[in-house]
Amino acid sequence: MSKDTIYFADLVHNGTIKSIDTFPLGVGLIASYAIDQIGKDINCEIYKMPEDLNEALLNKMPNVMCFANFNWNLNLSLAFAKYVKSVDSKIPIIFGGPNLPIPQNEREEFLKLYPEIDFYIKWDGEHAFLELYKALANNNFDALKVKSQNLHISNCLYVYENDYYEGMDQRISNLMSIPSPYLMGLMDKFFSDDLRPLVEYTRGCPFGCTFCNDAVDIRSKIFRKTNDFVTEELNYIAKMVKRNNLYADLSIADLNFGMFKEDHHTARVIRSMADKYGWPKTIDTSLGKSQPERVLETVRIMNGDGQPIFKMYTALQSTDPVVLDAIRRKNLPIEKIKDLKDSSELE
C-alpha cells in the first residue's frame, strides 16, 4: 500500500539574497504532529527553496499541497498553487499562516479572490490540519466532495459554490502534544542551507496592539513548552550546527521573550550552548513588552561572562500620545528606560 504524500512549503525569494533566512518551523510543526498522530501511512516533505519544490513537483505530484502564507511569499506560493492546479485540478491546496484578514467578511473576500486555495487554516494549525487531512483522505482527496459536506472544521475556512464556511476559533493549550520537528529529523536537511534555526517555546500574547495579528482575545492566553523540551531541542540544534559547520544565529519566535520566569531557563540553556559549541553567535527575538527587570535578567543570563550574544534594546512604537492611544500601546516610562540603561548595555 503506497503512502499518502503531503508537500509542505514555506517559500522564500532567493535571488541575490534570501528574503527570509529562517528554518521553516511553522510547517515543520504541522508535519511533525501529523506524522506523530497518523504514523507511517503518510510521507511528509518540507520545502523552503522554490527550486527544490519545483523539482519535487516535476518528479511527483503530492496528494495534498500545503503553503505557509506570509506577506512576503503570497504571490510566490500562489504561482506554485496555480501550477499544481494546472497539472491536476483535483489536488487539494491548503494555505495557512498570519497573512489573512481578521474580520470575517474580509477573509471571505480573500478566499474568493484566490480560488486556487481550497482551504485556509487560521491560528494554530496542527490540530486543524490533522482533522482536515482525515476528511480529505476519507474522500479520496477530493476537495469539492469534502466541501459539499458542509463540514465545520475548527480553524478551517473555505468557499463552496460561492458560500463561505468558517470553523470556530480554537487554541492548542497543550503545546507538548506537538513533537519537535528538529528531534524528529524533519529539519536536518536545512542545516546545510545557510539558514537560521527558528524555535518557538511560547504561544500567545497578553497585549492588544491594534495592528497586530495576535491582538485578538483568543490569542491572549500564554501556553508554553516545558523546560525539559527546551533543553533537549536546543542541545540537538547546537550539535547539528556544529556538525554542519553552520555559522548561524538563533531566532526565537516567542512574542515576548524574557518576560516570563521560565525564560530564565531558556536563557541558561542558550548560554551553555554558546560556551560549549560556540553557538549561537547572536540571537534574533522580540523582547517582552513589560517586566523590564525580568527581561534584563534574561539578557544578562544569556550574555554571561563571555562574548555577549544579545544586546538589549527598548522599542518606542511612537512618542505621540494620540497615536499610542489609537494603537493601544504604552511605552516604558523614560525614567524606567534610563534606570535600565544605567544598569545594562541597553540601546
C-alpha atoms as a PDB file:
ATOM      1  CA  MET A   1       0.000   0.000   0.000  1.00  0.00           C
ATOM      2  CA  SER A   2       1.513   3.328  -1.065  1.00  0.00           C
ATOM      3  CA  LYS A   3       1.807   6.205   1.367  1.00  0.00           C
ATOM      4  CA  ASP A   4      -0.110   9.443   1.010  1.00  0.00           C
ATOM      5  CA  THR A   5       2.325  12.220   0.107  1.00  0.00           C
ATOM      6  CA  ILE A   6       1.991  15.703   1.556  1.00  0.00           C
ATOM      7  CA  TYR A   7       4.197  18.591   0.476  1.00  0.00           C
ATOM      8  CA  PHE A   8       4.654  21.482   2.896  1.00  0.00           C
ATOM      9  CA  ALA A   9       6.205  24.682   1.534  1.00  0.00           C
ATOM     10  CA  ASP A  10       7.350  27.807   3.364  1.00  0.00           C
ATOM     11  CA  LEU A  11       8.794  29.502   0.308  1.00  0.00           C
ATOM     12  CA  VAL A  12      11.361  32.265   0.173  1.00  0.00           C
ATOM     13  CA  HIS A  13      12.528  34.583  -2.603  1.00  0.00           C
ATOM     14  CA  ASN A  14      16.205  33.799  -3.171  1.00  0.00           C
ATOM     15  CA  GLY A  15      17.568  35.995  -5.920  1.00  0.00           C
ATOM     16  CA  THR A  16      20.728  37.778  -4.795  1.00  0.00           C
ATOM     17  CA  ILE A  17      19.869  37.072  -1.137  1.00  0.00           C
ATOM     18  CA  LYS A  18      17.206  35.105   0.696  1.00  0.00           C
ATOM     19  CA  SER A  19      14.338  37.343   1.765  1.00  0.00           C
ATOM     20  CA  ILE A  20      13.663  35.264   4.885  1.00  0.00           C
ATOM     21  CA  ASP A  21      16.500  33.034   6.046  1.00  0.00           C
ATOM     22  CA  THR A  22      14.963  31.037   8.898  1.00  0.00           C
ATOM     23  CA  PHE A  23      14.121  27.345   9.108  1.00  0.00           C
ATOM     24  CA  PRO A  24      10.514  26.548   8.043  1.00  0.00           C
ATOM     25  CA  LEU A  25       9.379  25.927  11.614  1.00  0.00           C
ATOM     26  CA  GLY A  26       5.633  26.511  11.156  1.00  0.00           C
ATOM     27  CA  VAL A  27       5.084  23.846   8.516  1.00  0.00           C
ATOM     28  CA  GLY A  28       7.594  21.651  10.335  1.00  0.00           C
ATOM     29  CA  LEU A  29       5.412  21.671  13.453  1.00  0.00           C
ATOM     30  CA  ILE A  30       2.326  20.745  11.426  1.00  0.00           C
ATOM     31  CA  ALA A  31       4.194  17.910   9.707  1.00  0.00           C
ATOM     32  CA  SER A  32       5.626  16.593  12.967  1.00  0.00           C
ATOM     33  CA  TYR A  33       2.182  16.496  14.584  1.00  0.00           C
ATOM     34  CA  ALA A  34       0.628  14.787  11.547  1.00  0.00           C
ATOM     35  CA  ILE A  35       3.338  12.121  11.467  1.00  0.00           C
ATOM     36  CA  ASP A  36       3.039  11.587  15.226  1.00  0.00           C
ATOM     37  CA  GLN A  37      -0.723  11.099  15.009  1.00  0.00           C
ATOM     38  CA  ILE A  38      -1.029   9.195  11.729  1.00  0.00           C
ATOM     39  CA  GLY A  39       2.187   7.232  11.690  1.00  0.00           C
ATOM     40  CA  LYS A  40       3.774   5.555   8.712  1.00  0.00           C
ATOM     41  CA  ASP A  41       0.810   5.943   6.350  1.00  0.00           C
ATOM     42  CA  ILE A  42       1.950   9.408   5.240  1.00  0.00           C
ATOM     43  CA  ASN A  43       5.088  10.823   3.685  1.00  0.00           C
ATOM     44  CA  CYS A  44       5.675  14.482   4.560  1.00  0.00           C
ATOM     45  CA  GLU A  45       8.186  16.553   2.608  1.00  0.00           C
ATOM     46  CA  ILE A  46       9.117  20.121   3.605  1.00  0.00           C
ATOM     47  CA  TYR A  47      10.426  22.751   1.185  1.00  0.00           C
ATOM     48  CA  LYS A  48      11.930  26.206   1.614  1.00  0.00           C
ATOM     49  CA  MET A  49      13.641  26.916  -1.708  1.00  0.00           C
ATOM     50  CA  PRO A  50      11.397  27.357  -4.783  1.00  0.00           C
ATOM     51  CA  GLU A  51      13.756  25.354  -7.000  1.00  0.00           C
ATOM     52  CA  ASP A  52      13.572  22.365  -4.633  1.00  0.00           C
ATOM     53  CA  LEU A  53       9.777  22.395  -4.653  1.00  0.00           C
ATOM     54  CA  ASN A  54       9.763  22.798  -8.425  1.00  0.00           C
ATOM     55  CA  GLU A  55      11.994  19.755  -8.838  1.00  0.00           C
ATOM     56  CA  ALA A  56       9.825  17.723  -6.472  1.00  0.00           C
ATOM     57  CA  LEU A  57       6.643  18.623  -8.357  1.00  0.00           C
ATOM     58  CA  LEU A  58       8.213  17.690 -11.692  1.00  0.00           C
ATOM     59  CA  ASN A  59       9.146  14.338 -10.211  1.00  0.00           C
ATOM     60  CA  LYS A  60       5.920  13.583  -8.356  1.00  0.00           C
ATOM     61  CA  MET A  61       2.695  15.381  -7.548  1.00  0.00           C
ATOM     62  CA  PRO A  62       1.519  15.096  -3.926  1.00  0.00           C
ATOM     63  CA  ASN A  63      -1.857  14.036  -2.616  1.00  0.00           C
ATOM     64  CA  VAL A  64      -2.050  17.338  -0.733  1.00  0.00           C
ATOM     65  CA  MET A  65      -0.119  20.596  -1.307  1.00  0.00           C
ATOM     66  CA  CYS A  66       0.286  22.995   1.642  1.00  0.00           C
ATOM     67  CA  PHE A  67       1.727  26.516   1.791  1.00  0.00           C
ATOM     68  CA  ALA A  68       2.715  28.804   4.672  1.00  0.00           C
ATOM     69  CA  ASN A  69       1.318  32.229   3.822  1.00  0.00           C
ATOM     70  CA  PHE A  70       3.209  35.377   4.795  1.00  0.00           C
ATOM     71  CA  ASN A  71       3.064  38.796   3.168  1.00  0.00           C
ATOM     72  CA  TRP A  72       6.491  38.252   1.610  1.00  0.00           C
ATOM     73  CA  ASN A  73       5.680  34.961  -0.162  1.00  0.00           C
ATOM     74  CA  LEU A  74       1.972  35.082  -1.035  1.00  0.00           C
ATOM     75  CA  ASN A  75       2.471  35.684  -4.758  1.00  0.00           C
ATOM     76  CA  LEU A  76       5.216  33.066  -4.954  1.00  0.00           C
ATOM     77  CA  SER A  77       3.029  30.462  -3.246  1.00  0.00           C
ATOM     78  CA  LEU A  78       0.051  31.353  -5.431  1.00  0.00           C
ATOM     79  CA  ALA A  79       2.165  30.838  -8.551  1.00  0.00           C
ATOM     80  CA  PHE A  80       3.025  27.317  -7.407  1.00  0.00           C
ATOM     81  CA  ALA A  81      -0.584  26.648  -6.381  1.00  0.00           C
ATOM     82  CA  LYS A  82      -1.797  27.644  -9.850  1.00  0.00           C
ATOM     83  CA  TYR A  83       0.805  25.380 -11.422  1.00  0.00           C
ATOM     84  CA  VAL A  84      -0.267  22.407  -9.294  1.00  0.00           C
ATOM     85  CA  LYS A  85      -3.894  23.006 -10.248  1.00  0.00           C
ATOM     86  CA  SER A  86      -2.952  23.248 -13.927  1.00  0.00           C
ATOM     87  CA  VAL A  87      -1.384  19.786 -13.732  1.00  0.00           C
ATOM     88  CA  ASP A  88      -4.128  18.211 -11.619  1.00  0.00           C
ATOM     89  CA  SER A  89      -7.064  20.376 -10.575  1.00  0.00           C
ATOM     90  CA  LYS A  90      -8.175  17.785  -8.013  1.00  0.00           C
ATOM     91  CA  ILE A  91      -5.115  18.129  -5.768  1.00  0.00           C
ATOM     92  CA  PRO A  92      -6.235  19.959  -2.607  1.00  0.00           C
ATOM     93  CA  ILE A  93      -4.387  23.225  -1.968  1.00  0.00           C
ATOM     94  CA  ILE A  94      -4.183  24.283   1.689  1.00  0.00           C
ATOM     95  CA  PHE A  95      -2.845  27.635   2.864  1.00  0.00           C
ATOM     96  CA  GLY A  96      -2.177  28.695   6.434  1.00  0.00           C
ATOM     97  CA  GLY A  97      -0.436  31.456   8.312  1.00  0.00           C
ATOM     98  CA  PRO A  98      -0.869  35.011   9.593  1.00  0.00           C
ATOM     99  CA  ASN A  99      -1.250  36.780   6.232  1.00  0.00           C
ATOM    100  CA  LEU A 100      -5.035  36.662   6.485  1.00  0.00           C
ATOM    101  CA  PRO A 101      -7.535  39.406   7.356  1.00  0.00           C
ATOM    102  CA  ILE A 102      -9.017  39.279  10.861  1.00  0.00           C
ATOM    103  CA  PRO A 103     -12.608  40.456  10.030  1.00  0.00           C
ATOM    104  CA  GLN A 104     -14.677  37.544   8.733  1.00  0.00           C
ATOM    105  CA  ASN A 105     -16.072  39.437   5.738  1.00  0.00           C
ATOM    106  CA  GLU A 106     -12.528  40.276   4.608  1.00  0.00           C
ATOM    107  CA  ARG A 107     -11.483  36.654   4.986  1.00  0.00           C
ATOM    108  CA  GLU A 108     -14.314  35.686   2.674  1.00  0.00           C
ATOM    109  CA  GLU A 109     -13.162  38.293   0.146  1.00  0.00           C
ATOM    110  CA  PHE A 110      -9.607  36.949   0.404  1.00  0.00           C
ATOM    111  CA  LEU A 111     -10.610  33.375  -0.412  1.00  0.00           C
ATOM    112  CA  LYS A 112     -12.870  34.430  -3.265  1.00  0.00           C
ATOM    113  CA  LEU A 113     -10.022  36.500  -4.690  1.00  0.00           C
ATOM    114  CA  TYR A 114      -7.766  33.412  -4.785  1.00  0.00           C
ATOM    115  CA  PRO A 115      -9.936  30.455  -5.902  1.00  0.00           C
ATOM    116  CA  GLU A 116      -6.883  28.195  -6.258  1.00  0.00           C
ATOM    117  CA  ILE A 117      -6.850  27.981  -2.434  1.00  0.00           C
ATOM    118  CA  ASP A 118      -9.205  25.157  -1.448  1.00  0.00           C
ATOM    119  CA  PHE A 119      -8.853  25.502   2.314  1.00  0.00           C
ATOM    120  CA  TYR A 120      -7.265  28.018   4.662  1.00  0.00           C
ATOM    121  CA  ILE A 121      -6.215  27.234   8.232  1.00  0.00           C
ATOM    122  CA  LYS A 122      -6.132  30.144  10.695  1.00  0.00           C
ATOM    123  CA  TRP A 123      -4.417  30.398  14.108  1.00  0.00           C
ATOM    124  CA  ASP A 124      -2.870  27.165  15.445  1.00  0.00           C
ATOM    125  CA  GLY A 125      -2.638  24.809  12.502  1.00  0.00           C
ATOM    126  CA  GLU A 126      -1.543  21.436  13.863  1.00  0.00           C
ATOM    127  CA  HIS A 127      -4.857  20.006  15.084  1.00  0.00           C
ATOM    128  CA  ALA A 128      -6.885  21.673  12.344  1.00  0.00           C
ATOM    129  CA  PHE A 129      -4.676  20.260   9.595  1.00  0.00           C
ATOM    130  CA  LEU A 130      -4.949  16.745  11.001  1.00  0.00           C
ATOM    131  CA  GLU A 131      -8.749  16.937  11.058  1.00  0.00           C
ATOM    132  CA  LEU A 132      -8.826  18.338   7.526  1.00  0.00           C
ATOM    133  CA  TYR A 133      -6.382  15.727   6.256  1.00  0.00           C
ATOM    134  CA  LYS A 134      -8.529  12.919   7.663  1.00  0.00           C
ATOM    135  CA  ALA A 135     -11.611  14.347   5.931  1.00  0.00           C
ATOM    136  CA  LEU A 136      -9.705  14.540   2.630  1.00  0.00           C
ATOM    137  CA  ALA A 137      -8.268  11.029   2.978  1.00  0.00           C
ATOM    138  CA  ASN A 138     -11.744   9.628   3.670  1.00  0.00           C
ATOM    139  CA  ASN A 139     -12.976  11.230   0.441  1.00  0.00           C
ATOM    140  CA  ASN A 140     -10.142  10.176  -1.879  1.00  0.00           C
ATOM    141  CA  PHE A 141      -8.578  13.641  -1.574  1.00  0.00           C
ATOM    142  CA  ASP A 142     -11.495  15.208  -3.416  1.00  0.00           C
ATOM    143  CA  ALA A 143     -11.659  18.770  -2.090  1.00  0.00           C
ATOM    144  CA  LEU A 144     -15.043  19.503  -3.684  1.00  0.00           C
ATOM    145  CA  LYS A 145     -16.569  16.399  -2.121  1.00  0.00           C
ATOM    146  CA  VAL A 146     -15.305  17.429   1.302  1.00  0.00           C
ATOM    147  CA  LYS A 147     -16.632  20.962   0.838  1.00  0.00           C
ATOM    148  CA  SER A 148     -20.028  19.676  -0.293  1.00  0.00           C
ATOM    149  CA  GLN A 149     -20.460  18.029   3.117  1.00  0.00           C
ATOM    150  CA  ASN A 150     -20.563  21.471   4.748  1.00  0.00           C
ATOM    151  CA  LEU A 151     -18.011  20.452   7.338  1.00  0.00           C
ATOM    152  CA  HIS A 152     -17.162  22.977  10.029  1.00  0.00           C
ATOM    153  CA  ILE A 153     -13.607  22.111  10.996  1.00  0.00           C
ATOM    154  CA  SER A 154     -12.150  24.262  13.767  1.00  0.00           C
ATOM    155  CA  ASN A 155      -9.768  26.957  12.459  1.00  0.00           C
ATOM    156  CA  CYS A 156     -10.565  25.996   8.857  1.00  0.00           C
ATOM    157  CA  LEU A 157     -12.258  28.170   6.248  1.00  0.00           C
ATOM    158  CA  TYR A 158     -13.284  27.615   2.641  1.00  0.00           C
ATOM    159  CA  VAL A 159     -15.647  28.683  -0.111  1.00  0.00           C
ATOM    160  CA  TYR A 160     -18.045  26.278  -1.816  1.00  0.00           C
ATOM    161  CA  GLU A 161     -20.464  27.324  -4.580  1.00  0.00           C
ATOM    162  CA  ASN A 162     -19.858  30.947  -3.564  1.00  0.00           C
ATOM    163  CA  ASP A 163     -20.897  30.281   0.043  1.00  0.00           C
ATOM    164  CA  TYR A 164     -18.377  30.910   2.802  1.00  0.00           C
ATOM    165  CA  TYR A 165     -17.715  28.465   5.625  1.00  0.00           C
ATOM    166  CA  GLU A 166     -15.560  29.089   8.683  1.00  0.00           C
ATOM    167  CA  GLY A 167     -14.931  26.794  11.630  1.00  0.00           C
ATOM    168  CA  MET A 168     -14.800  28.079  15.191  1.00  0.00           C
ATOM    169  CA  ASP A 169     -11.603  29.564  16.604  1.00  0.00           C
ATOM    170  CA  GLN A 170      -9.569  27.097  18.620  1.00  0.00           C
ATOM    171  CA  ARG A 171      -6.278  27.283  20.519  1.00  0.00           C
ATOM    172  CA  ILE A 172      -3.936  24.428  21.355  1.00  0.00           C
ATOM    173  CA  SER A 173      -3.457  24.646  25.106  1.00  0.00           C
ATOM    174  CA  ASN A 174      -1.098  21.679  25.386  1.00  0.00           C
ATOM    175  CA  LEU A 175       1.927  22.598  23.276  1.00  0.00           C
ATOM    176  CA  MET A 176       3.606  19.402  24.438  1.00  0.00           C
ATOM    177  CA  SER A 177       1.165  17.491  22.221  1.00  0.00           C
ATOM    178  CA  ILE A 178       3.223  18.765  19.272  1.00  0.00           C
ATOM    179  CA  PRO A 179       6.550  16.943  18.809  1.00  0.00           C
ATOM    180  CA  SER A 180       9.699  18.796  17.860  1.00  0.00           C
ATOM    181  CA  PRO A 181      10.352  18.695  14.097  1.00  0.00           C
ATOM    182  CA  TYR A 182      14.042  19.068  14.975  1.00  0.00           C
ATOM    183  CA  LEU A 183      14.110  15.991  17.216  1.00  0.00           C
ATOM    184  CA  MET A 184      12.140  14.033  14.590  1.00  0.00           C
ATOM    185  CA  GLY A 185      14.803  14.841  11.988  1.00  0.00           C
ATOM    186  CA  LEU A 186      12.448  16.821   9.758  1.00  0.00           C
ATOM    187  CA  MET A 187      14.710  19.882   9.883  1.00  0.00           C
ATOM    188  CA  ASP A 188      18.029  18.074   9.340  1.00  0.00           C
ATOM    189  CA  LYS A 189      18.345  18.915   5.660  1.00  0.00           C
ATOM    190  CA  PHE A 190      18.089  22.654   6.341  1.00  0.00           C
ATOM    191  CA  PHE A 191      21.274  22.746   8.405  1.00  0.00           C
ATOM    192  CA  SER A 192      23.217  22.784   5.131  1.00  0.00           C
ATOM    193  CA  ASP A 193      21.117  25.567   3.543  1.00  0.00           C
ATOM    194  CA  ASP A 194      22.682  28.594   5.249  1.00  0.00           C
ATOM    195  CA  LEU A 195      19.528  29.223   7.256  1.00  0.00           C
ATOM    196  CA  ARG A 196      18.972  30.300  10.847  1.00  0.00           C
ATOM    197  CA  PRO A 197      17.352  27.808  13.240  1.00  0.00           C
ATOM    198  CA  LEU A 198      13.987  29.096  14.443  1.00  0.00           C
ATOM    199  CA  VAL A 199      12.347  27.912  17.674  1.00  0.00           C
ATOM    200  CA  GLU A 200       9.103  28.637  19.489  1.00  0.00           C
ATOM    201  CA  TYR A 201       8.577  27.959  23.185  1.00  0.00           C
ATOM    202  CA  THR A 202       5.528  30.112  23.960  1.00  0.00           C
ATOM    203  CA  ARG A 203       2.375  30.965  22.043  1.00  0.00           C
ATOM    204  CA  GLY A 204       0.057  33.840  22.690  1.00  0.00           C
ATOM    205  CA  CYS A 205       0.364  37.488  23.713  1.00  0.00           C
ATOM    206  CA  PRO A 206      -1.436  39.319  26.536  1.00  0.00           C
ATOM    207  CA  PHE A 207      -1.222  42.679  24.752  1.00  0.00           C
ATOM    208  CA  GLY A 208      -3.856  44.076  22.405  1.00  0.00           C
ATOM    209  CA  CYS A 209      -1.872  46.220  19.973  1.00  0.00           C
ATOM    210  CA  THR A 210      -4.297  47.375  17.306  1.00  0.00           C
ATOM    211  CA  PHE A 211      -2.315  46.485  14.202  1.00  0.00           C
ATOM    212  CA  CYS A 212      -1.055  43.070  15.339  1.00  0.00           C
ATOM    213  CA  ASN A 213      -2.335  39.735  14.054  1.00  0.00           C
ATOM    214  CA  ASP A 214      -2.159  38.341  17.600  1.00  0.00           C
ATOM    215  CA  ALA A 215      -4.128  41.203  19.178  1.00  0.00           C
ATOM    216  CA  VAL A 216      -7.343  39.202  19.492  1.00  0.00           C
ATOM    217  CA  ASP A 217      -8.905  37.741  22.617  1.00  0.00           C
ATOM    218  CA  ILE A 218      -8.339  34.131  21.629  1.00  0.00           C
ATOM    219  CA  ARG A 219      -4.586  34.735  21.445  1.00  0.00           C
ATOM    220  CA  SER A 220      -4.265  36.471  24.817  1.00  0.00           C
ATOM    221  CA  LYS A 221      -3.532  33.410  26.960  1.00  0.00           C
ATOM    222  CA  ILE A 222       0.041  32.125  27.069  1.00  0.00           C
ATOM    223  CA  PHE A 223       0.889  28.452  26.566  1.00  0.00           C
ATOM    224  CA  ARG A 224       4.430  27.103  26.606  1.00  0.00           C
ATOM    225  CA  LYS A 225       6.719  24.133  26.173  1.00  0.00           C
ATOM    226  CA  THR A 226       8.352  22.505  29.208  1.00  0.00           C
ATOM    227  CA  ASN A 227      11.882  23.283  30.343  1.00  0.00           C
ATOM    228  CA  ASP A 228      12.975  19.734  29.520  1.00  0.00           C
ATOM    229  CA  PHE A 229      11.709  20.142  25.954  1.00  0.00           C
ATOM    230  CA  VAL A 230      13.608  23.421  25.580  1.00  0.00           C
ATOM    231  CA  THR A 231      16.831  21.822  26.830  1.00  0.00           C
ATOM    232  CA  GLU A 232      16.585  18.786  24.578  1.00  0.00           C
ATOM    233  CA  GLU A 233      15.692  20.698  21.420  1.00  0.00           C
ATOM    234  CA  LEU A 234      18.346  23.410  21.816  1.00  0.00           C
ATOM    235  CA  ASN A 235      21.012  20.788  22.524  1.00  0.00           C
ATOM    236  CA  TYR A 236      20.039  18.911  19.360  1.00  0.00           C
ATOM    237  CA  ILE A 237      20.152  22.093  17.261  1.00  0.00           C
ATOM    238  CA  ALA A 238      23.519  23.136  18.701  1.00  0.00           C
ATOM    239  CA  LYS A 239      25.043  19.733  17.883  1.00  0.00           C
ATOM    240  CA  MET A 240      23.674  19.869  14.327  1.00  0.00           C
ATOM    241  CA  VAL A 241      25.015  23.403  13.819  1.00  0.00           C
ATOM    242  CA  LYS A 242      28.441  22.260  14.996  1.00  0.00           C
ATOM    243  CA  ARG A 243      28.372  19.097  12.884  1.00  0.00           C
ATOM    244  CA  ASN A 244      27.458  21.008   9.730  1.00  0.00           C
ATOM    245  CA  ASN A 245      29.875  23.882  10.378  1.00  0.00           C
ATOM    246  CA  LEU A 246      26.937  26.252  10.103  1.00  0.00           C
ATOM    247  CA  TYR A 247      27.565  29.851  11.046  1.00  0.00           C
ATOM    248  CA  ALA A 248      24.121  30.823  12.200  1.00  0.00           C
ATOM    249  CA  ASP A 249      22.189  32.979  14.592  1.00  0.00           C
ATOM    250  CA  LEU A 250      19.263  31.698  16.637  1.00  0.00           C
ATOM    251  CA  SER A 251      15.790  33.101  16.021  1.00  0.00           C
ATOM    252  CA  ILE A 252      13.198  32.808  18.779  1.00  0.00           C
ATOM    253  CA  ALA A 253       9.601  33.214  17.610  1.00  0.00           C
ATOM    254  CA  ASP A 254       8.176  33.921  21.080  1.00  0.00           C
ATOM    255  CA  LEU A 255       6.340  37.237  21.035  1.00  0.00           C
ATOM    256  CA  ASN A 256       7.567  38.399  24.458  1.00  0.00           C
ATOM    257  CA  PHE A 257      10.786  36.562  25.158  1.00  0.00           C
ATOM    258  CA  GLY A 258      12.304  37.213  28.568  1.00  0.00           C
ATOM    259  CA  MET A 259       9.078  38.445  30.129  1.00  0.00           C
ATOM    260  CA  PHE A 260       8.240  35.158  31.854  1.00  0.00           C
ATOM    261  CA  LYS A 261      10.167  33.485  34.652  1.00  0.00           C
ATOM    262  CA  GLU A 262      10.567  30.279  32.607  1.00  0.00           C
ATOM    263  CA  ASP A 263      12.573  32.244  30.063  1.00  0.00           C
ATOM    264  CA  HIS A 264      15.448  32.321  32.533  1.00  0.00           C
ATOM    265  CA  HIS A 265      15.814  28.580  31.996  1.00  0.00           C
ATOM    266  CA  THR A 266      15.867  29.053  28.227  1.00  0.00           C
ATOM    267  CA  ALA A 267      18.500  31.763  28.674  1.00  0.00           C
ATOM    268  CA  ARG A 268      20.688  29.453  30.765  1.00  0.00           C
ATOM    269  CA  VAL A 269      20.471  26.719  28.127  1.00  0.00           C
ATOM    270  CA  ILE A 270      21.394  29.203  25.393  1.00  0.00           C
ATOM    271  CA  ARG A 271      24.387  30.406  27.410  1.00  0.00           C
ATOM    272  CA  SER A 272      25.569  26.840  27.977  1.00  0.00           C
ATOM    273  CA  MET A 273      25.283  26.121  24.241  1.00  0.00           C
ATOM    274  CA  ALA A 274      27.280  29.247  23.428  1.00  0.00           C
ATOM    275  CA  ASP A 275      30.012  28.201  25.871  1.00  0.00           C
ATOM    276  CA  LYS A 276      30.117  24.569  24.711  1.00  0.00           C
ATOM    277  CA  TYR A 277      29.529  24.802  20.956  1.00  0.00           C
ATOM    278  CA  GLY A 278      30.188  28.446  20.095  1.00  0.00           C
ATOM    279  CA  TRP A 279      26.548  28.757  19.018  1.00  0.00           C
ATOM    280  CA  PRO A 280      24.551  30.909  18.856  1.00  0.00           C
ATOM    281  CA  LYS A 281      26.725  33.867  17.976  1.00  0.00           C
ATOM    282  CA  THR A 282      23.748  36.238  18.155  1.00  0.00           C
ATOM    283  CA  ILE A 283      20.023  35.984  18.829  1.00  0.00           C
ATOM    284  CA  ASP A 284      17.060  37.500  16.997  1.00  0.00           C
ATOM    285  CA  THR A 285      13.849  37.749  19.005  1.00  0.00           C
ATOM    286  CA  SER A 286      11.101  40.064  20.241  1.00  0.00           C
ATOM    287  CA  LEU A 287      11.647  41.009  23.863  1.00  0.00           C
ATOM    288  CA  GLY A 288       8.824  41.261  26.381  1.00  0.00           C
ATOM    289  CA  LYS A 289       6.815  44.478  26.488  1.00  0.00           C
ATOM    290  CA  SER A 290       6.576  44.522  30.278  1.00  0.00           C
ATOM    291  CA  GLN A 291       8.514  43.125  33.262  1.00  0.00           C
ATOM    292  CA  PRO A 292      11.666  45.028  32.208  1.00  0.00           C
ATOM    293  CA  GLU A 293      13.730  43.823  35.185  1.00  0.00           C
ATOM    294  CA  ARG A 294      12.970  40.192  34.323  1.00  0.00           C
ATOM    295  CA  VAL A 295      13.762  40.821  30.657  1.00  0.00           C
ATOM    296  CA  LEU A 296      17.046  42.442  31.665  1.00  0.00           C
ATOM    297  CA  GLU A 297      17.956  39.442  33.819  1.00  0.00           C
ATOM    298  CA  THR A 298      17.183  37.096  30.900  1.00  0.00           C
ATOM    299  CA  VAL A 299      19.575  39.069  28.715  1.00  0.00           C
ATOM    300  CA  ARG A 300      22.233  39.051  31.417  1.00  0.00           C
ATOM    301  CA  ILE A 301      21.986  35.264  31.773  1.00  0.00           C
ATOM    302  CA  MET A 302      22.334  34.758  28.002  1.00  0.00           C
ATOM    303  CA  ASN A 303      25.332  37.053  27.758  1.00  0.00           C
ATOM    304  CA  GLY A 304      27.066  35.574  30.792  1.00  0.00           C
ATOM    305  CA  ASP A 305      30.698  36.471  31.387  1.00  0.00           C
ATOM    306  CA  GLY A 306      31.832  35.627  27.863  1.00  0.00           C
ATOM    307  CA  GLN A 307      31.121  37.078  24.441  1.00  0.00           C
ATOM    308  CA  PRO A 308      27.713  38.849  24.555  1.00  0.00           C
ATOM    309  CA  ILE A 309      25.188  37.292  22.181  1.00  0.00           C
ATOM    310  CA  PHE A 310      22.292  39.703  22.655  1.00  0.00           C
ATOM    311  CA  LYS A 311      22.216  43.469  23.087  1.00  0.00           C
ATOM    312  CA  MET A 312      19.119  44.576  24.910  1.00  0.00           C
ATOM    313  CA  TYR A 313      17.015  47.325  23.417  1.00  0.00           C
ATOM    314  CA  THR A 314      13.727  49.062  24.025  1.00  0.00           C
ATOM    315  CA  ALA A 315      11.323  49.951  21.235  1.00  0.00           C
ATOM    316  CA  LEU A 316       9.181  53.076  21.201  1.00  0.00           C
ATOM    317  CA  GLN A 317       6.188  52.445  18.966  1.00  0.00           C
ATOM    318  CA  SER A 318       5.588  56.194  18.941  1.00  0.00           C
ATOM    319  CA  THR A 319       6.141  59.189  21.189  1.00  0.00           C
ATOM    320  CA  ASP A 320       2.822  60.742  20.198  1.00  0.00           C
ATOM    321  CA  PRO A 321       0.190  60.091  22.916  1.00  0.00           C
ATOM    322  CA  VAL A 322      -2.647  60.235  20.370  1.00  0.00           C
ATOM    323  CA  VAL A 323      -1.005  57.543  18.238  1.00  0.00           C
ATOM    324  CA  LEU A 324      -0.220  55.409  21.281  1.00  0.00           C
ATOM    325  CA  ASP A 325      -3.853  55.595  22.373  1.00  0.00           C
ATOM    326  CA  ALA A 326      -5.060  54.657  18.889  1.00  0.00           C
ATOM    327  CA  ILE A 327      -2.843  51.578  18.691  1.00  0.00           C
ATOM    328  CA  ARG A 328      -3.439  50.638  22.341  1.00  0.00           C
ATOM    329  CA  ARG A 329       0.215  50.651  23.257  1.00  0.00           C
ATOM    330  CA  LYS A 330       2.184  52.107  26.152  1.00  0.00           C
ATOM    331  CA  ASN A 331       5.897  52.769  26.216  1.00  0.00           C
ATOM    332  CA  LEU A 332       8.044  52.156  29.247  1.00  0.00           C
ATOM    333  CA  PRO A 333       8.394  55.403  31.214  1.00  0.00           C
ATOM    334  CA  ILE A 334      11.507  57.353  30.247  1.00  0.00           C
ATOM    335  CA  GLU A 335      12.681  57.184  33.869  1.00  0.00           C
ATOM    336  CA  LYS A 336      12.496  53.362  33.754  1.00  0.00           C
ATOM    337  CA  ILE A 337      14.423  53.267  30.466  1.00  0.00           C
ATOM    338  CA  LYS A 338      17.124  55.470  31.989  1.00  0.00           C
ATOM    339  CA  ASP A 339      17.370  53.184  35.025  1.00  0.00           C
ATOM    340  CA  LEU A 340      17.743  50.142  32.786  1.00  0.00           C
ATOM    341  CA  LYS A 341      20.332  51.871  30.661  1.00  0.00           C
ATOM    342  CA  ASP A 342      22.391  52.709  33.725  1.00  0.00           C
ATOM    343  CA  SER A 343      22.454  49.038  34.739  1.00  0.00           C
ATOM    344  CA  SER A 344      22.880  47.421  31.298  1.00  0.00           C
ATOM    345  CA  GLU A 345      24.036  47.794  27.739  1.00  0.00           C
ATOM    346  CA  LEU A 346      20.608  48.949  26.709  1.00  0.00           C
ATOM    347  CA  GLU A 347      20.346  50.653  23.314  1.00  0.00           C
END
